[in-house]
Amino acid sequence: MAKERIVMIGNGRARVRSIDEIIKRCPGRFHITIFGTELYPNYNRIQLSEVLQGRYDAFRYYTE
């Protein structure tokens, strides 16, 4: 079965949180594309210490 497509505009924290939830609830079901002008992906500032310690990958969805 072909994956359904989701296209999102913008790379804000709410958008990334929505994607996290979609992937959690329906793993492998969607092909997700994000368009944004931001140079780097957004991250959750609450988890900044985990990102800096390498325990959380803020760039897990990033491609060029």
PDB file of N, CA and C in Angstrom:
ATOM      1  N   MET A   1       0.843  -1.186   0.000  1.00  0.00           N
ATOM      2  CA  MET A   1       0.000   0.000   0.000  1.00  0.00           C
ATOM      3  C   MET A   1       0.885   1.245   0.000  1.00  0.00           C
ATOM      4  N   ALA A   2       0.574   2.197  -0.864  1.00  0.00           N
ATOM      5  CA  ALA A   2       1.348   3.436  -0.947  1.00  0.00           C
ATOM      6  C   ALA A   2       1.100   4.304   0.280  1.00  0.00           C
ATOM      7  N   LYS A   3       2.147   4.988   0.695  1.00  0.00           N
ATOM      8  CA  LYS A   3       2.012   5.886   1.845  1.00  0.00           C
ATOM      9  C   LYS A   3       1.220   7.126   1.452  1.00  0.00           C
ATOM     10  N   GLU A   4       0.402   7.581   2.370  1.00  0.00           N
ATOM     11  CA  GLU A   4      -0.296   8.849   2.169  1.00  0.00           C
ATOM     12  C   GLU A   4       0.714   9.975   2.357  1.00  0.00           C
ATOM     13  N   ARG A   5       0.485  11.096   1.658  1.00  0.00           N
ATOM     14  CA  ARG A   5       1.404  12.233   1.747  1.00  0.00           C
ATOM     15  C   ARG A   5       0.836  13.311   2.651  1.00  0.00           C
ATOM     16  N   ILE A   6       1.716  13.875   3.456  1.00  0.00           N
ATOM     17  CA  ILE A   6       1.385  15.053   4.251  1.00  0.00           C
ATOM     18  C   ILE A   6       2.431  16.101   3.912  1.00  0.00           C
ATOM     19  N   VAL A   7       1.973  17.292   3.530  1.00  0.00           N
ATOM     20  CA  VAL A   7       2.871  18.409   3.254  1.00  0.00           C
ATOM     21  C   VAL A   7       2.549  19.506   4.248  1.00  0.00           C
ATOM     22  N   MET A   8       3.571  19.957   4.961  1.00  0.00           N
ATOM     23  CA  MET A   8       3.387  21.013   5.959  1.00  0.00           C
ATOM     24  C   MET A   8       4.248  22.206   5.584  1.00  0.00           C
ATOM     25  N   ILE A   9       3.687  23.383   5.795  1.00  0.00           N
ATOM     26  CA  ILE A   9       4.398  24.626   5.515  1.00  0.00           C
ATOM     27  C   ILE A   9       4.789  25.244   6.849  1.00  0.00           C
ATOM     28  N   GLY A  10       6.085  25.491   7.015  1.00  0.00           N
ATOM     29  CA  GLY A  10       6.580  26.093   8.251  1.00  0.00           C
ATOM     30  C   GLY A  10       7.268  25.067   9.131  1.00  0.00           C
ATOM     31  N   ASN A  11       8.226  25.550   9.913  1.00  0.00           N
ATOM     32  CA  ASN A  11       9.040  24.661  10.733  1.00  0.00           C
ATOM     33  C   ASN A  11       8.976  25.061  12.202  1.00  0.00           C
ATOM     34  N   GLY A  12       7.849  25.604  12.634  1.00  0.00           N
ATOM     35  CA  GLY A  12       7.705  26.007  14.025  1.00  0.00           C
ATOM     36  C   GLY A  12       7.597  24.815  14.955  1.00  0.00           C
ATOM     37  N   ARG A  13       7.742  25.063  16.230  1.00  0.00           N
ATOM     38  CA  ARG A  13       7.714  23.981  17.217  1.00  0.00           C
ATOM     39  C   ARG A  13       6.379  23.231  17.201  1.00  0.00           C
ATOM     40  N   ALA A  14       5.279  23.946  17.047  1.00  0.00           N
ATOM     41  CA  ALA A  14       3.975  23.269  17.006  1.00  0.00           C
ATOM     42  C   ALA A  14       3.897  22.317  15.814  1.00  0.00           C
ATOM     43  N   ARG A  15       4.451  22.725  14.704  1.00  0.00           N
ATOM     44  CA  ARG A  15       4.442  21.882  13.497  1.00  0.00           C
ATOM     45  C   ARG A  15       5.266  20.613  13.738  1.00  0.00           C
ATOM     46  N   VAL A  16       6.447  20.780  14.293  1.00  0.00           N
ATOM     47  CA  VAL A  16       7.303  19.623  14.556  1.00  0.00           C
ATOM     48  C   VAL A  16       6.661  18.706  15.595  1.00  0.00           C
ATOM     49  N   ARG A  17       6.026  19.271  16.586  1.00  0.00           N
ATOM     50  CA  ARG A  17       5.329  18.472  17.607  1.00  0.00           C
ATOM     51  C   ARG A  17       4.193  17.676  16.970  1.00  0.00           C
ATOM     52  N   SER A  18       3.487  18.290  16.023  1.00  0.00           N
ATOM     53  CA  SER A  18       2.418  17.585  15.305  1.00  0.00           C
ATOM     54  C   SER A  18       2.972  16.391  14.539  1.00  0.00           C
ATOM     55  N   ILE A  19       4.103  16.584  13.891  1.00  0.00           N
ATOM     56  CA  ILE A  19       4.733  15.497  13.137  1.00  0.00           C
ATOM     57  C   ILE A  19       5.156  14.375  14.077  1.00  0.00           C
ATOM     58  N   ASP A  20       5.749  14.735  15.206  1.00  0.00           N
ATOM     59  CA  ASP A  20       6.127  13.724  16.204  1.00  0.00           C
ATOM     60  C   ASP A  20       4.922  12.872  16.588  1.00  0.00           C
ATOM     61  N   GLU A  21       3.792  13.518  16.808  1.00  0.00           N
ATOM     62  CA  GLU A  21       2.586  12.799  17.233  1.00  0.00           C
ATOM     63  C   GLU A  21       2.036  11.916  16.114  1.00  0.00           C
ATOM     64  N   ILE A  22       2.053  12.413  14.877  1.00  0.00           N
ATOM     65  CA  ILE A  22       1.594  11.615  13.731  1.00  0.00           C
ATOM     66  C   ILE A  22       2.445  10.359  13.593  1.00  0.00           C
ATOM     67  N   ILE A  23       3.753  10.518  13.693  1.00  0.00           N
ATOM     68  CA  ILE A  23       4.660   9.376  13.561  1.00  0.00           C
ATOM     69  C   ILE A  23       4.453   8.390  14.708  1.00  0.00           C
ATOM     70  N   LYS A  24       4.236   8.916  15.897  1.00  0.00           N
ATOM     71  CA  LYS A  24       4.012   8.052  17.066  1.00  0.00           C
ATOM     72  C   LYS A  24       2.727   7.234  16.916  1.00  0.00           C
ATOM     73  N   ARG A  25       1.666   7.878  16.444  1.00  0.00           N
ATOM     74  CA  ARG A  25       0.370   7.204  16.336  1.00  0.00           C
ATOM     75  C   ARG A  25       0.243   6.318  15.104  1.00  0.00           C
ATOM     76  N   CYS A  26       0.920   6.697  14.020  1.00  0.00           N
ATOM     77  CA  CYS A  26       0.778   5.959  12.755  1.00  0.00           C
ATOM     78  C   CYS A  26       2.148   5.729  12.113  1.00  0.00           C
ATOM     79  N   PRO A  27       3.032   4.985  12.752  1.00  0.00           N
ATOM     80  CA  PRO A  27       4.375   4.809  12.193  1.00  0.00           C
ATOM     81  C   PRO A  27       4.336   4.156  10.810  1.00  0.00           C
ATOM     82  N   GLY A  28       5.074   4.754   9.877  1.00  0.00           N
ATOM     83  CA  GLY A  28       5.180   4.195   8.538  1.00  0.00           C
ATOM     84  C   GLY A  28       4.012   4.455   7.615  1.00  0.00           C
ATOM     85  N   ARG A  29       2.992   5.127   8.076  1.00  0.00           N
ATOM     86  CA  ARG A  29       1.797   5.328   7.249  1.00  0.00           C
ATOM     87  C   ARG A  29       1.939   6.503   6.285  1.00  0.00           C
ATOM     88  N   PHE A  30       2.701   7.531   6.664  1.00  0.00           N
ATOM     89  CA  PHE A  30       2.747   8.764   5.885  1.00  0.00           C
ATOM     90  C   PHE A  30       4.145   9.069   5.362  1.00  0.00           C
ATOM     91  N   HIS A  31       4.175   9.724   4.208  1.00  0.00           N
ATOM     92  CA  HIS A  31       5.387  10.357   3.691  1.00  0.00           C
ATOM     93  C   HIS A  31       5.206  11.841   4.001  1.00  0.00           C
ATOM     94  N   ILE A  32       6.052  12.396   4.867  1.00  0.00           N
ATOM     95  CA  ILE A  32       5.867  13.768   5.345  1.00  0.00           C
ATOM     96  C   ILE A  32       6.935  14.672   4.750  1.00  0.00           C
ATOM     97  N   THR A  33       6.487  15.798   4.178  1.00  0.00           N
ATOM     98  CA  THR A  33       7.382  16.813   3.633  1.00  0.00           C
ATOM     99  C   THR A  33       7.099  18.128   4.335  1.00  0.00           C
ATOM    100  N   ILE A  34       8.175  18.809   4.752  1.00  0.00           N
ATOM    101  CA  ILE A  34       8.039  20.107   5.417  1.00  0.00           C
ATOM    102  C   ILE A  34       8.780  21.143   4.583  1.00  0.00           C
ATOM    103  N   PHE A  35       8.115  22.255   4.307  1.00  0.00           N
ATOM    104  CA  PHE A  35       8.746  23.384   3.640  1.00  0.00           C
ATOM    105  C   PHE A  35       8.864  24.521   4.635  1.00  0.00           C
ATOM    106  N   GLY A  36      10.056  25.088   4.745  1.00  0.00           N
ATOM    107  CA  GLY A  36      10.252  26.213   5.649  1.00  0.00           C
ATOM    108  C   GLY A  36      11.461  27.022   5.220  1.00  0.00           C
ATOM    109  N   THR A  37      11.513  28.255   5.650  1.00  0.00           N
ATOM    110  CA  THR A  37      12.634  29.123   5.304  1.00  0.00           C
ATOM    111  C   THR A  37      13.754  29.066   6.334  1.00  0.00           C
ATOM    112  N   GLU A  38      13.509  28.384   7.434  1.00  0.00           N
ATOM    113  CA  GLU A  38      14.510  28.297   8.480  1.00  0.00           C
ATOM    114  C   GLU A  38      15.705  27.486   7.988  1.00  0.00           C
ATOM    115  N   LEU A  39      16.898  27.920   8.327  1.00  0.00           N
ATOM    116  CA  LEU A  39      18.112  27.240   7.892  1.00  0.00           C
ATOM    117  C   LEU A  39      18.286  25.895   8.595  1.00  0.00           C
ATOM    118  N   TYR A  40      17.897  25.833   9.868  1.00  0.00           N
ATOM    119  CA  TYR A  40      18.037  24.609  10.654  1.00  0.00           C
ATOM    120  C   TYR A  40      16.684  24.218  11.229  1.00  0.00           C
ATOM    121  N   PRO A  41      16.502  22.943  11.530  1.00  0.00           N
ATOM    122  CA  PRO A  41      15.213  22.514  12.079  1.00  0.00           C
ATOM    123  C   PRO A  41      14.964  23.079  13.465  1.00  0.00           C
ATOM    124  N   ASN A  42      13.710  23.195  13.799  1.00  0.00           N
ATOM    125  CA  ASN A  42      13.306  23.679  15.106  1.00  0.00           C
ATOM    126  C   ASN A  42      13.594  22.622  16.159  1.00  0.00           C
ATOM    127  N   TYR A  43      13.706  23.038  17.384  1.00  0.00           N
ATOM    128  CA  TYR A  43      13.918  22.092  18.477  1.00  0.00           C
ATOM    129  C   TYR A  43      13.109  22.532  19.686  1.00  0.00           C
ATOM    130  N   ASN A  44      12.904  21.621  20.581  1.00  0.00           N
ATOM    131  CA  ASN A  44      12.173  21.886  21.807  1.00  0.00           C
ATOM    132  C   ASN A  44      13.160  22.422  22.838  1.00  0.00           C
ATOM    133  N   ARG A  45      13.030  23.683  23.205  1.00  0.00           N
ATOM    134  CA  ARG A  45      13.994  24.292  24.127  1.00  0.00           C
ATOM    135  C   ARG A  45      13.999  23.625  25.498  1.00  0.00           C
ATOM    136  N   ILE A  46      12.882  23.027  25.872  1.00  0.00           N
ATOM    137  CA  ILE A  46      12.828  22.315  27.147  1.00  0.00           C
ATOM    138  C   ILE A  46      13.812  21.145  27.130  1.00  0.00           C
ATOM    139  N   GLN A  47      14.019  20.551  25.956  1.00  0.00           N
ATOM    140  CA  GLN A  47      14.930  19.415  25.830  1.00  0.00           C
ATOM    141  C   GLN A  47      16.334  19.835  25.404  1.00  0.00           C
ATOM    142  N   LEU A  48      16.662  21.109  25.484  1.00  0.00           N
ATOM    143  CA  LEU A  48      17.956  21.594  25.011  1.00  0.00           C
ATOM    144  C   LEU A  48      19.117  20.880  25.696  1.00  0.00           C
ATOM    145  N   SER A  49      19.033  20.655  26.990  1.00  0.00           N
ATOM    146  CA  SER A  49      20.136  19.972  27.679  1.00  0.00           C
ATOM    147  C   SER A  49      20.315  18.553  27.142  1.00  0.00           C
ATOM    148  N   GLU A  50      19.217  17.880  26.811  1.00  0.00           N
ATOM    149  CA  GLU A  50      19.312  16.534  26.239  1.00  0.00           C
ATOM    150  C   GLU A  50      19.935  16.565  24.851  1.00  0.00           C
ATOM    151  N   VAL A  51      19.616  17.597  24.063  1.00  0.00           N
ATOM    152  CA  VAL A  51      20.210  17.751  22.731  1.00  0.00           C
ATOM    153  C   VAL A  51      21.713  17.961  22.870  1.00  0.00           C
ATOM    154  N   LEU A  52      22.112  18.849  23.766  1.00  0.00           N
ATOM    155  CA  LEU A  52      23.530  19.153  23.946  1.00  0.00           C
ATOM    156  C   LEU A  52      24.314  17.955  24.483  1.00  0.00           C
ATOM    157  N   GLN A  53      23.655  17.085  25.220  1.00  0.00           N
ATOM    158  CA  GLN A  53      24.311  15.881  25.750  1.00  0.00           C
ATOM    159  C   GLN A  53      24.265  14.712  24.767  1.00  0.00           C
ATOM    160  N   GLY A  54      23.612  14.919  23.616  1.00  0.00           N
ATOM    161  CA  GLY A  54      23.544  13.874  22.599  1.00  0.00           C
ATOM    162  C   GLY A  54      22.509  12.796  22.868  1.00  0.00           C
ATOM    163  N   ARG A  55      21.615  13.026  23.820  1.00  0.00           N
ATOM    164  CA  ARG A  55      20.590  12.029  24.142  1.00  0.00           C
ATOM    165  C   ARG A  55      19.322  12.215  23.316  1.00  0.00           C
ATOM    166  N   TYR A  56      19.210  13.323  22.599  1.00  0.00           N
ATOM    167  CA  TYR A  56      18.026  13.618  21.788  1.00  0.00           C
ATOM    168  C   TYR A  56      18.499  14.207  20.468  1.00  0.00           C
ATOM    169  N   ASP A  57      18.037  13.672  19.359  1.00  0.00           N
ATOM    170  CA  ASP A  57      18.475  14.112  18.040  1.00  0.00           C
ATOM    171  C   ASP A  57      17.519  15.154  17.468  1.00  0.00           C
ATOM    172  N   ALA A  58      17.886  16.422  17.582  1.00  0.00           N
ATOM    173  CA  ALA A  58      17.049  17.510  17.073  1.00  0.00           C
ATOM    174  C   ALA A  58      17.009  17.519  15.548  1.00  0.00           C
ATOM    175  N   PHE A  59      17.942  16.840  14.898  1.00  0.00           N
ATOM    176  CA  PHE A  59      18.029  16.848  13.444  1.00  0.00           C
ATOM    177  C   PHE A  59      17.515  15.548  12.825  1.00  0.00           C
ATOM    178  N   ARG A  60      16.699  14.787  13.538  1.00  0.00           N
ATOM    179  CA  ARG A  60      16.277  13.472  13.066  1.00  0.00           C
ATOM    180  C   ARG A  60      15.461  13.507  11.775  1.00  0.00           C
ATOM    181  N   TYR A  61      14.804  14.608  11.473  1.00  0.00           N
ATOM    182  CA  TYR A  61      13.994  14.681  10.252  1.00  0.00           C
ATOM    183  C   TYR A  61      14.629  15.563   9.183  1.00  0.00           C
ATOM    184  N   TYR A  62      15.813  16.069   9.429  1.00  0.00           N
ATOM    185  CA  TYR A  62      16.417  17.085   8.560  1.00  0.00           C
ATOM    186  C   TYR A  62      17.078  16.465   7.333  1.00  0.00           C
ATOM    187  N   THR A  63      16.739  16.985   6.166  1.00  0.00           N
ATOM    188  CA  THR A  63      17.442  16.655   4.926  1.00  0.00           C
ATOM    189  C   THR A  63      17.565  17.931   4.127  1.00  0.00           C
ATOM    190  N   GLU A  64      18.497  17.952   3.215  1.00  0.00           N
ATOM    191  CA  GLU A  64      18.653  19.138   2.358  1.00  0.00           C
ATOM    192  C   GLU A  64      18.098  18.863   0.994  1.00  0.00           C
TER     193      GLU A  64
END
